[in-house]
Amino acid sequence: MLQYFATALGLVLVIEGVIYALFAPQMKRQVVRILETPDEALRIIGLLTALLGLFIVWQILG
């Protein structure tokens, strides 16, 4: 189980690193937009994203 977690974490870091490397100016603009977004909206987006990720993992490993 720990191997799956480590693999998933590694993939997240690779994807995030590539996005920042290829789209640095756009990521800076996105950070500014995130800072302007209300906390409640960020919480809802985060919860929905986490649930979507959980659903995908459940479907794959299910």
PDB file of N, CA and C in Angstrom:
ATOM      1  N   MET A   1       0.821  -1.198   0.000  1.00  0.00           N
ATOM      2  CA  MET A   1       0.000   0.000   0.000  1.00  0.00           C
ATOM      3  C   MET A   1       0.860   1.254   0.000  1.00  0.00           C
ATOM      4  N   LEU A   2       1.937   1.241   0.777  1.00  0.00           N
ATOM      5  CA  LEU A   2       2.830   2.394   0.820  1.00  0.00           C
ATOM      6  C   LEU A   2       3.478   2.631  -0.541  1.00  0.00           C
ATOM      7  N   GLN A   3       3.714   1.553  -1.274  1.00  0.00           N
ATOM      8  CA  GLN A   3       4.297   1.685  -2.612  1.00  0.00           C
ATOM      9  C   GLN A   3       3.351   2.453  -3.535  1.00  0.00           C
ATOM     10  N   TYR A   4       2.041   2.190  -3.442  1.00  0.00           N
ATOM     11  CA  TYR A   4       1.074   2.919  -4.255  1.00  0.00           C
ATOM     12  C   TYR A   4       1.059   4.402  -3.890  1.00  0.00           C
ATOM     13  N   PHE A   5       1.095   4.675  -2.593  1.00  0.00           N
ATOM     14  CA  PHE A   5       1.084   6.067  -2.137  1.00  0.00           C
ATOM     15  C   PHE A   5       2.326   6.800  -2.630  1.00  0.00           C
ATOM     16  N   ALA A   6       3.492   6.175  -2.491  1.00  0.00           N
ATOM     17  CA  ALA A   6       4.737   6.801  -2.930  1.00  0.00           C
ATOM     18  C   ALA A   6       4.734   7.024  -4.439  1.00  0.00           C
ATOM     19  N   THR A   7       4.217   6.063  -5.182  1.00  0.00           N
ATOM     20  CA  THR A   7       4.130   6.203  -6.634  1.00  0.00           C
ATOM     21  C   THR A   7       3.198   7.351  -7.013  1.00  0.00           C
ATOM     22  N   ALA A   8       2.044   7.419  -6.370  1.00  0.00           N
ATOM     23  CA  ALA A   8       1.093   8.496  -6.653  1.00  0.00           C
ATOM     24  C   ALA A   8       1.694   9.852  -6.310  1.00  0.00           C
ATOM     25  N   LEU A   9       2.347   9.945  -5.173  1.00  0.00           N
ATOM     26  CA  LEU A   9       2.974  11.208  -4.774  1.00  0.00           C
ATOM     27  C   LEU A   9       4.063  11.604  -5.770  1.00  0.00           C
ATOM     28  N   GLY A  10       4.855  10.654  -6.200  1.00  0.00           N
ATOM     29  CA  GLY A  10       5.890  10.930  -7.194  1.00  0.00           C
ATOM     30  C   GLY A  10       5.305  11.443  -8.497  1.00  0.00           C
ATOM     31  N   LEU A  11       4.217  10.829  -8.934  1.00  0.00           N
ATOM     32  CA  LEU A  11       3.572  11.279 -10.172  1.00  0.00           C
ATOM     33  C   LEU A  11       3.010  12.689 -10.034  1.00  0.00           C
ATOM     34  N   VAL A  12       2.423  12.998  -8.891  1.00  0.00           N
ATOM     35  CA  VAL A  12       1.918  14.352  -8.660  1.00  0.00           C
ATOM     36  C   VAL A  12       3.058  15.355  -8.749  1.00  0.00           C
ATOM     37  N   LEU A  13       4.187  15.047  -8.131  1.00  0.00           N
ATOM     38  CA  LEU A  13       5.328  15.955  -8.161  1.00  0.00           C
ATOM     39  C   LEU A  13       5.884  16.124  -9.574  1.00  0.00           C
ATOM     40  N   VAL A  14       5.933  15.046 -10.339  1.00  0.00           N
ATOM     41  CA  VAL A  14       6.409  15.135 -11.722  1.00  0.00           C
ATOM     42  C   VAL A  14       5.478  16.021 -12.543  1.00  0.00           C
ATOM     43  N   ILE A  15       4.186  15.779 -12.452  1.00  0.00           N
ATOM     44  CA  ILE A  15       3.216  16.563 -13.229  1.00  0.00           C
ATOM     45  C   ILE A  15       3.263  18.029 -12.819  1.00  0.00           C
ATOM     46  N   GLU A  16       3.277  18.281 -11.523  1.00  0.00           N
ATOM     47  CA  GLU A  16       3.306  19.663 -11.058  1.00  0.00           C
ATOM     48  C   GLU A  16       4.612  20.354 -11.474  1.00  0.00           C
ATOM     49  N   GLY A  17       5.719  19.656 -11.377  1.00  0.00           N
ATOM     50  CA  GLY A  17       6.994  20.234 -11.784  1.00  0.00           C
ATOM     51  C   GLY A  17       7.028  20.583 -13.265  1.00  0.00           C
ATOM     52  N   VAL A  18       6.499  19.700 -14.091  1.00  0.00           N
ATOM     53  CA  VAL A  18       6.461  19.956 -15.535  1.00  0.00           C
ATOM     54  C   VAL A  18       5.578  21.165 -15.836  1.00  0.00           C
ATOM     55  N   ILE A  19       4.452  21.259 -15.154  1.00  0.00           N
ATOM     56  CA  ILE A  19       3.546  22.397 -15.387  1.00  0.00           C
ATOM     57  C   ILE A  19       4.249  23.707 -15.031  1.00  0.00           C
ATOM     58  N   TYR A  20       4.909  23.757 -13.872  1.00  0.00           N
ATOM     59  CA  TYR A  20       5.620  24.979 -13.487  1.00  0.00           C
ATOM     60  C   TYR A  20       6.782  25.273 -14.444  1.00  0.00           C
ATOM     61  N   ALA A  21       7.468  24.245 -14.907  1.00  0.00           N
ATOM     62  CA  ALA A  21       8.600  24.458 -15.812  1.00  0.00           C
ATOM     63  C   ALA A  21       8.140  24.990 -17.171  1.00  0.00           C
ATOM     64  N   LEU A  22       7.040  24.475 -17.674  1.00  0.00           N
ATOM     65  CA  LEU A  22       6.582  24.863 -19.008  1.00  0.00           C
ATOM     66  C   LEU A  22       5.745  26.142 -19.022  1.00  0.00           C
ATOM     67  N   PHE A  23       5.050  26.413 -17.914  1.00  0.00           N
ATOM     68  CA  PHE A  23       4.098  27.519 -17.893  1.00  0.00           C
ATOM     69  C   PHE A  23       4.323  28.448 -16.702  1.00  0.00           C
ATOM     70  N   ALA A  24       5.551  28.830 -16.445  1.00  0.00           N
ATOM     71  CA  ALA A  24       5.874  29.653 -15.270  1.00  0.00           C
ATOM     72  C   ALA A  24       5.087  30.970 -15.223  1.00  0.00           C
ATOM     73  N   PRO A  25       5.048  31.771 -16.282  1.00  0.00           N
ATOM     74  CA  PRO A  25       4.303  33.040 -16.201  1.00  0.00           C
ATOM     75  C   PRO A  25       2.803  32.835 -15.941  1.00  0.00           C
ATOM     76  N   GLN A  26       2.223  31.831 -16.591  1.00  0.00           N
ATOM     77  CA  GLN A  26       0.809  31.564 -16.390  1.00  0.00           C
ATOM     78  C   GLN A  26       0.534  31.095 -14.960  1.00  0.00           C
ATOM     79  N   MET A  27       1.452  30.339 -14.386  1.00  0.00           N
ATOM     80  CA  MET A  27       1.279  29.866 -13.011  1.00  0.00           C
ATOM     81  C   MET A  27       1.329  31.037 -12.033  1.00  0.00           C
ATOM     82  N   LYS A  28       2.183  32.011 -12.300  1.00  0.00           N
ATOM     83  CA  LYS A  28       2.233  33.195 -11.433  1.00  0.00           C
ATOM     84  C   LYS A  28       0.894  33.933 -11.465  1.00  0.00           C
ATOM     85  N   ARG A  29       0.340  34.077 -12.655  1.00  0.00           N
ATOM     86  CA  ARG A  29      -0.962  34.748 -12.772  1.00  0.00           C
ATOM     87  C   ARG A  29      -2.044  33.949 -12.054  1.00  0.00           C
ATOM     88  N   GLN A  30      -1.960  32.632 -12.148  1.00  0.00           N
ATOM     89  CA  GLN A  30      -2.947  31.783 -11.487  1.00  0.00           C
ATOM     90  C   GLN A  30      -2.858  31.914  -9.966  1.00  0.00           C
ATOM     91  N   VAL A  31      -1.657  32.035  -9.433  1.00  0.00           N
ATOM     92  CA  VAL A  31      -1.494  32.211  -7.990  1.00  0.00           C
ATOM     93  C   VAL A  31      -2.161  33.504  -7.535  1.00  0.00           C
ATOM     94  N   VAL A  32      -2.021  34.560  -8.313  1.00  0.00           N
ATOM     95  CA  VAL A  32      -2.672  35.827  -7.978  1.00  0.00           C
ATOM     96  C   VAL A  32      -4.188  35.645  -7.968  1.00  0.00           C
ATOM     97  N   ARG A  33      -4.721  34.923  -8.948  1.00  0.00           N
ATOM     98  CA  ARG A  33      -6.169  34.677  -8.994  1.00  0.00           C
ATOM     99  C   ARG A  33      -6.630  33.859  -7.789  1.00  0.00           C
ATOM    100  N   ILE A  34      -5.816  32.882  -7.389  1.00  0.00           N
ATOM    101  CA  ILE A  34      -6.167  32.059  -6.231  1.00  0.00           C
ATOM    102  C   ILE A  34      -6.217  32.917  -4.974  1.00  0.00           C
ATOM    103  N   LEU A  35      -5.264  33.831  -4.836  1.00  0.00           N
ATOM    104  CA  LEU A  35      -5.246  34.699  -3.663  1.00  0.00           C
ATOM    105  C   LEU A  35      -6.481  35.589  -3.597  1.00  0.00           C
ATOM    106  N   GLU A  36      -7.071  35.895  -4.730  1.00  0.00           N
ATOM    107  CA  GLU A  36      -8.259  36.743  -4.783  1.00  0.00           C
ATOM    108  C   GLU A  36      -9.559  35.952  -4.622  1.00  0.00           C
ATOM    109  N   THR A  37      -9.475  34.620  -4.658  1.00  0.00           N
ATOM    110  CA  THR A  37     -10.657  33.772  -4.552  1.00  0.00           C
ATOM    111  C   THR A  37     -11.058  33.625  -3.084  1.00  0.00           C
ATOM    112  N   PRO A  38     -12.348  33.735  -2.783  1.00  0.00           N
ATOM    113  CA  PRO A  38     -12.804  33.584  -1.397  1.00  0.00           C
ATOM    114  C   PRO A  38     -12.436  32.204  -0.818  1.00  0.00           C
ATOM    115  N   ASP A  39     -12.166  32.174   0.477  1.00  0.00           N
ATOM    116  CA  ASP A  39     -11.765  30.928   1.143  1.00  0.00           C
ATOM    117  C   ASP A  39     -12.804  29.824   0.964  1.00  0.00           C
ATOM    118  N   GLU A  40     -14.072  30.178   1.088  1.00  0.00           N
ATOM    119  CA  GLU A  40     -15.131  29.172   0.979  1.00  0.00           C
ATOM    120  C   GLU A  40     -15.123  28.513  -0.405  1.00  0.00           C
ATOM    121  N   ALA A  41     -14.889  29.283  -1.448  1.00  0.00           N
ATOM    122  CA  ALA A  41     -14.834  28.722  -2.804  1.00  0.00           C
ATOM    123  C   ALA A  41     -13.639  27.778  -2.936  1.00  0.00           C
ATOM    124  N   LEU A  42     -12.501  28.149  -2.353  1.00  0.00           N
ATOM    125  CA  LEU A  42     -11.326  27.278  -2.410  1.00  0.00           C
ATOM    126  C   LEU A  42     -11.578  25.973  -1.653  1.00  0.00           C
ATOM    127  N   ARG A  43     -12.273  26.068  -0.521  1.00  0.00           N
ATOM    128  CA  ARG A  43     -12.593  24.849   0.240  1.00  0.00           C
ATOM    129  C   ARG A  43     -13.493  23.918  -0.565  1.00  0.00           C
ATOM    130  N   ILE A  44     -14.491  24.484  -1.213  1.00  0.00           N
ATOM    131  CA  ILE A  44     -15.408  23.670  -2.013  1.00  0.00           C
ATOM    132  C   ILE A  44     -14.678  23.028  -3.185  1.00  0.00           C
ATOM    133  N   ILE A  45     -13.854  23.806  -3.883  1.00  0.00           N
ATOM    134  CA  ILE A  45     -13.087  23.271  -5.012  1.00  0.00           C
ATOM    135  C   ILE A  45     -12.145  22.171  -4.536  1.00  0.00           C
ATOM    136  N   GLY A  46     -11.474  22.402  -3.411  1.00  0.00           N
ATOM    137  CA  GLY A  46     -10.571  21.392  -2.866  1.00  0.00           C
ATOM    138  C   GLY A  46     -11.293  20.114  -2.493  1.00  0.00           C
ATOM    139  N   LEU A  47     -12.458  20.237  -1.847  1.00  0.00           N
ATOM    140  CA  LEU A  47     -13.229  19.058  -1.461  1.00  0.00           C
ATOM    141  C   LEU A  47     -13.709  18.295  -2.690  1.00  0.00           C
ATOM    142  N   LEU A  48     -14.220  19.008  -3.689  1.00  0.00           N
ATOM    143  CA  LEU A  48     -14.698  18.346  -4.903  1.00  0.00           C
ATOM    144  C   LEU A  48     -13.554  17.663  -5.656  1.00  0.00           C
ATOM    145  N   THR A  49     -12.411  18.300  -5.685  1.00  0.00           N
ATOM    146  CA  THR A  49     -11.247  17.704  -6.344  1.00  0.00           C
ATOM    147  C   THR A  49     -10.799  16.449  -5.609  1.00  0.00           C
ATOM    148  N   ALA A  50     -10.770  16.498  -4.284  1.00  0.00           N
ATOM    149  CA  ALA A  50     -10.388  15.327  -3.497  1.00  0.00           C
ATOM    150  C   ALA A  50     -11.370  14.181  -3.712  1.00  0.00           C
ATOM    151  N   LEU A  51     -12.666  14.490  -3.744  1.00  0.00           N
ATOM    152  CA  LEU A  51     -13.675  13.452  -3.976  1.00  0.00           C
ATOM    153  C   LEU A  51     -13.544  12.849  -5.374  1.00  0.00           C
ATOM    154  N   LEU A  52     -13.256  13.686  -6.361  1.00  0.00           N
ATOM    155  CA  LEU A  52     -13.050  13.177  -7.717  1.00  0.00           C
ATOM    156  C   LEU A  52     -11.845  12.241  -7.762  1.00  0.00           C
ATOM    157  N   GLY A  53     -10.763  12.647  -7.123  1.00  0.00           N
ATOM    158  CA  GLY A  53      -9.573  11.798  -7.075  1.00  0.00           C
ATOM    159  C   GLY A  53      -9.849  10.481  -6.381  1.00  0.00           C
ATOM    160  N   LEU A  54     -10.587  10.534  -5.262  1.00  0.00           N
ATOM    161  CA  LEU A  54     -10.946   9.315  -4.539  1.00  0.00           C
ATOM    162  C   LEU A  54     -11.802   8.399  -5.405  1.00  0.00           C
ATOM    163  N   PHE A  55     -12.742   8.985  -6.139  1.00  0.00           N
ATOM    164  CA  PHE A  55     -13.600   8.198  -7.031  1.00  0.00           C
ATOM    165  C   PHE A  55     -12.779   7.510  -8.124  1.00  0.00           C
ATOM    166  N   ILE A  56     -11.834   8.240  -8.701  1.00  0.00           N
ATOM    167  CA  ILE A  56     -10.989   7.662  -9.758  1.00  0.00           C
ATOM    168  C   ILE A  56     -10.174   6.505  -9.203  1.00  0.00           C
ATOM    169  N   VAL A  57      -9.551   6.695  -8.051  1.00  0.00           N
ATOM    170  CA  VAL A  57      -8.758   5.619  -7.443  1.00  0.00           C
ATOM    171  C   VAL A  57      -9.650   4.422  -7.121  1.00  0.00           C
ATOM    172  N   TRP A  58     -10.837   4.682  -6.586  1.00  0.00           N
ATOM    173  CA  TRP A  58     -11.775   3.616  -6.244  1.00  0.00           C
ATOM    174  C   TRP A  58     -12.161   2.814  -7.492  1.00  0.00           C
ATOM    175  N   GLN A  59     -12.389   3.524  -8.612  1.00  0.00           N
ATOM    176  CA  GLN A  59     -12.756   2.842  -9.854  1.00  0.00           C
ATOM    177  C   GLN A  59     -11.605   1.994 -10.401  1.00  0.00           C
ATOM    178  N   ILE A  60     -10.393   2.522 -10.279  1.00  0.00           N
ATOM    179  CA  ILE A  60      -9.239   1.794 -10.809  1.00  0.00           C
ATOM    180  C   ILE A  60      -8.911   0.568  -9.953  1.00  0.00           C
ATOM    181  N   LEU A  61      -8.897   0.760  -8.643  1.00  0.00           N
ATOM    182  CA  LEU A  61      -8.513  -0.340  -7.749  1.00  0.00           C
ATOM    183  C   LEU A  61      -9.690  -1.207  -7.334  1.00  0.00           C
ATOM    184  N   GLY A  62     -10.906  -0.661  -7.516  1.00  0.00           N
ATOM    185  CA  GLY A  62     -12.140  -1.271  -7.067  1.00  0.00           C
ATOM    186  C   GLY A  62     -12.298  -2.699  -7.411  1.00  0.00           C
TER     187      GLY A  62
END
